[in-house]
């Protein structure tokens, strides 16, 4: 017997079914990060409502938080795999790289 699963997403503001242009929107305020699912109409409304603030604000880049430990930059997994192969370390051609292997790669570079 064949089955078909349909997943529908609904707008968190008005409860309407989200159209193809709708999306989950993330934003931060005073150190807290929020995510909300919105239809394209409400995504545009949110952007319009925030525009008066975002036009005057400074854009902050990076993922570090104040007072917290900064996250290390992501590594190029292809480079790590090539380095590991060159060093004779057993590493598969696919899948997740171990934290230990990434730490060894960072220490060597």
C-alpha atoms as a PDB file:
ATOM      1  CA  UNK A   1       0.000   0.000   0.000  1.00  0.00           C
ATOM      2  CA  UNK A   2       1.389   3.425  -0.953  1.00  0.00           C
ATOM      3  CA  UNK A   3       1.298   6.324   1.454  1.00  0.00           C
ATOM      4  CA  UNK A   4       1.787  10.007   0.935  1.00  0.00           C
ATOM      5  CA  UNK A   5       2.747  12.276   3.809  1.00  0.00           C
ATOM      6  CA  UNK A   6       1.948  15.943   3.437  1.00  0.00           C
ATOM      7  CA  UNK A   7       3.524  18.482   5.759  1.00  0.00           C
ATOM      8  CA  UNK A   8       1.821  21.839   5.984  1.00  0.00           C
ATOM      9  CA  UNK A   9       3.240  24.854   7.761  1.00  0.00           C
ATOM     10  CA  UNK A  10       1.044  27.558   9.215  1.00  0.00           C
ATOM     11  CA  UNK A  11       1.702  31.229   9.836  1.00  0.00           C
ATOM     12  CA  UNK A  12       2.363  31.846  13.537  1.00  0.00           C
ATOM     13  CA  UNK A  13       0.613  35.233  13.393  1.00  0.00           C
ATOM     14  CA  UNK A  14      -2.650  34.605  11.599  1.00  0.00           C
ATOM     15  CA  UNK A  15      -2.862  30.797  11.369  1.00  0.00           C
ATOM     16  CA  UNK A  16      -3.062  30.759   7.582  1.00  0.00           C
ATOM     17  CA  UNK A  17      -1.303  28.058   5.587  1.00  0.00           C
ATOM     18  CA  UNK A  18       2.119  29.298   4.491  1.00  0.00           C
ATOM     19  CA  UNK A  19       2.528  29.788   0.755  1.00  0.00           C
ATOM     20  CA  UNK A  20       5.615  28.796  -1.234  1.00  0.00           C
ATOM     21  CA  UNK A  21       7.258  32.187  -0.592  1.00  0.00           C
ATOM     22  CA  UNK A  22       6.668  32.021   3.159  1.00  0.00           C
ATOM     23  CA  UNK A  23       9.499  31.062   5.471  1.00  0.00           C
ATOM     24  CA  UNK A  24      10.849  30.749   8.971  1.00  0.00           C
ATOM     25  CA  UNK A  25      12.380  34.056   9.994  1.00  0.00           C
ATOM     26  CA  UNK A  26      14.989  34.386  12.739  1.00  0.00           C
ATOM     27  CA  UNK A  27      15.698  37.595  14.596  1.00  0.00           C
ATOM     28  CA  UNK A  28      17.412  38.657  17.799  1.00  0.00           C
ATOM     29  CA  UNK A  29      16.534  41.226  20.405  1.00  0.00           C
ATOM     30  CA  UNK A  30      18.425  41.990  23.602  1.00  0.00           C
ATOM     31  CA  UNK A  31      20.452  38.799  23.481  1.00  0.00           C
ATOM     32  CA  UNK A  32      17.543  36.438  22.770  1.00  0.00           C
ATOM     33  CA  UNK A  33      17.094  34.833  19.364  1.00  0.00           C
ATOM     34  CA  UNK A  34      13.612  34.128  18.047  1.00  0.00           C
ATOM     35  CA  UNK A  35      12.211  32.226  15.074  1.00  0.00           C
ATOM     36  CA  UNK A  36       8.750  32.604  13.604  1.00  0.00           C
ATOM     37  CA  UNK A  37       7.004  30.960  10.631  1.00  0.00           C
ATOM     38  CA  UNK A  38       5.383  33.556   8.374  1.00  0.00           C
ATOM     39  CA  UNK A  39       3.535  33.759   5.065  1.00  0.00           C
ATOM     40  CA  UNK A  40       5.152  35.936   2.407  1.00  0.00           C
ATOM     41  CA  UNK A  41       2.677  38.717   3.264  1.00  0.00           C
ATOM     42  CA  UNK A  42       3.686  38.703   6.926  1.00  0.00           C
ATOM     43  CA  UNK A  43       7.422  38.349   6.124  1.00  0.00           C
ATOM     44  CA  UNK A  44       7.171  41.583   4.150  1.00  0.00           C
ATOM     45  CA  UNK A  45       5.151  43.239   6.933  1.00  0.00           C
ATOM     46  CA  UNK A  46       7.802  42.262   9.497  1.00  0.00           C
ATOM     47  CA  UNK A  47      10.538  43.687   7.253  1.00  0.00           C
ATOM     48  CA  UNK A  48       8.592  46.923   6.787  1.00  0.00           C
ATOM     49  CA  UNK A  49       7.927  47.251  10.522  1.00  0.00           C
ATOM     50  CA  UNK A  50      11.603  46.680  11.393  1.00  0.00           C
ATOM     51  CA  UNK A  51      13.027  48.797   8.558  1.00  0.00           C
ATOM     52  CA  UNK A  52      12.887  52.022  10.596  1.00  0.00           C
ATOM     53  CA  UNK A  53      15.179  50.346  13.148  1.00  0.00           C
ATOM     54  CA  UNK A  54      17.438  48.349  10.826  1.00  0.00           C
ATOM     55  CA  UNK A  55      18.194  51.408   8.693  1.00  0.00           C
ATOM     56  CA  UNK A  56      19.640  53.151  11.761  1.00  0.00           C
ATOM     57  CA  UNK A  57      21.251  50.134  13.413  1.00  0.00           C
ATOM     58  CA  UNK A  58      24.777  48.755  13.097  1.00  0.00           C
ATOM     59  CA  UNK A  59      24.967  45.302  11.559  1.00  0.00           C
ATOM     60  CA  UNK A  60      26.854  42.806  13.712  1.00  0.00           C
ATOM     61  CA  UNK A  61      28.636  39.908  12.067  1.00  0.00           C
ATOM     62  CA  UNK A  62      29.996  36.720  13.569  1.00  0.00           C
ATOM     63  CA  UNK A  63      28.483  34.175  15.891  1.00  0.00           C
ATOM     64  CA  UNK A  64      30.293  35.024  19.113  1.00  0.00           C
ATOM     65  CA  UNK A  65      28.367  36.260  22.112  1.00  0.00           C
ATOM     66  CA  UNK A  66      29.476  38.846  24.629  1.00  0.00           C
ATOM     67  CA  UNK A  67      31.362  37.317  27.484  1.00  0.00           C
ATOM     68  CA  UNK A  68      31.041  33.849  26.029  1.00  0.00           C
ATOM     69  CA  UNK A  69      33.574  31.617  24.395  1.00  0.00           C
ATOM     70  CA  UNK A  70      33.798  32.343  20.678  1.00  0.00           C
ATOM     71  CA  UNK A  71      32.995  29.448  18.379  1.00  0.00           C
ATOM     72  CA  UNK A  72      35.896  28.401  16.136  1.00  0.00           C
ATOM     73  CA  UNK A  73      35.512  29.116  12.461  1.00  0.00           C
ATOM     74  CA  UNK A  74      34.201  26.222  10.364  1.00  0.00           C
ATOM     75  CA  UNK A  75      36.787  24.156   8.540  1.00  0.00           C
ATOM     76  CA  UNK A  76      36.928  23.057   4.929  1.00  0.00           C
ATOM     77  CA  UNK A  77      36.083  19.359   5.294  1.00  0.00           C
ATOM     78  CA  UNK A  78      37.718  18.541   1.957  1.00  0.00           C
ATOM     79  CA  UNK A  79      40.965  20.077   3.167  1.00  0.00           C
ATOM     80  CA  UNK A  80      40.747  18.169   6.455  1.00  0.00           C
ATOM     81  CA  UNK A  81      40.153  14.878   4.628  1.00  0.00           C
ATOM     82  CA  UNK A  82      43.045  15.543   2.214  1.00  0.00           C
ATOM     83  CA  UNK A  83      45.343  16.437   5.125  1.00  0.00           C
ATOM     84  CA  UNK A  84      44.295  13.316   7.050  1.00  0.00           C
ATOM     85  CA  UNK A  85      44.928  11.096   4.017  1.00  0.00           C
ATOM     86  CA  UNK A  86      48.334  12.721   3.515  1.00  0.00           C
ATOM     87  CA  UNK A  87      49.191  12.011   7.166  1.00  0.00           C
ATOM     88  CA  UNK A  88      47.996   8.414   6.901  1.00  0.00           C
ATOM     89  CA  UNK A  89      45.110   8.949   9.307  1.00  0.00           C
ATOM     90  CA  UNK A  90      42.116   6.773   8.587  1.00  0.00           C
ATOM     91  CA  UNK A  91      39.222   8.932   7.487  1.00  0.00           C
ATOM     92  CA  UNK A  92      36.183   8.053   5.415  1.00  0.00           C
ATOM     93  CA  UNK A  93      35.370   9.965   2.247  1.00  0.00           C
ATOM     94  CA  UNK A  94      31.905  10.834   3.586  1.00  0.00           C
ATOM     95  CA  UNK A  95      30.206  11.529   6.862  1.00  0.00           C
ATOM     96  CA  UNK A  96      30.958  13.594   9.898  1.00  0.00           C
ATOM     97  CA  UNK A  97      34.536  14.319  10.880  1.00  0.00           C
ATOM     98  CA  UNK A  98      35.510  13.663  14.492  1.00  0.00           C
ATOM     99  CA  UNK A  99      36.193  16.593  16.775  1.00  0.00           C
ATOM    100  CA  UNK A 100      39.610  15.126  17.525  1.00  0.00           C
ATOM    101  CA  UNK A 101      40.540  15.040  13.836  1.00  0.00           C
ATOM    102  CA  UNK A 102      39.436  18.639  13.328  1.00  0.00           C
ATOM    103  CA  UNK A 103      41.423  19.723  16.400  1.00  0.00           C
ATOM    104  CA  UNK A 104      44.525  17.945  15.041  1.00  0.00           C
ATOM    105  CA  UNK A 105      44.040  19.689  11.683  1.00  0.00           C
ATOM    106  CA  UNK A 106      43.694  23.106  13.340  1.00  0.00           C
ATOM    107  CA  UNK A 107      46.778  22.503  15.478  1.00  0.00           C
ATOM    108  CA  UNK A 108      48.787  21.625  12.359  1.00  0.00           C
ATOM    109  CA  UNK A 109      47.679  24.745  10.500  1.00  0.00           C
END
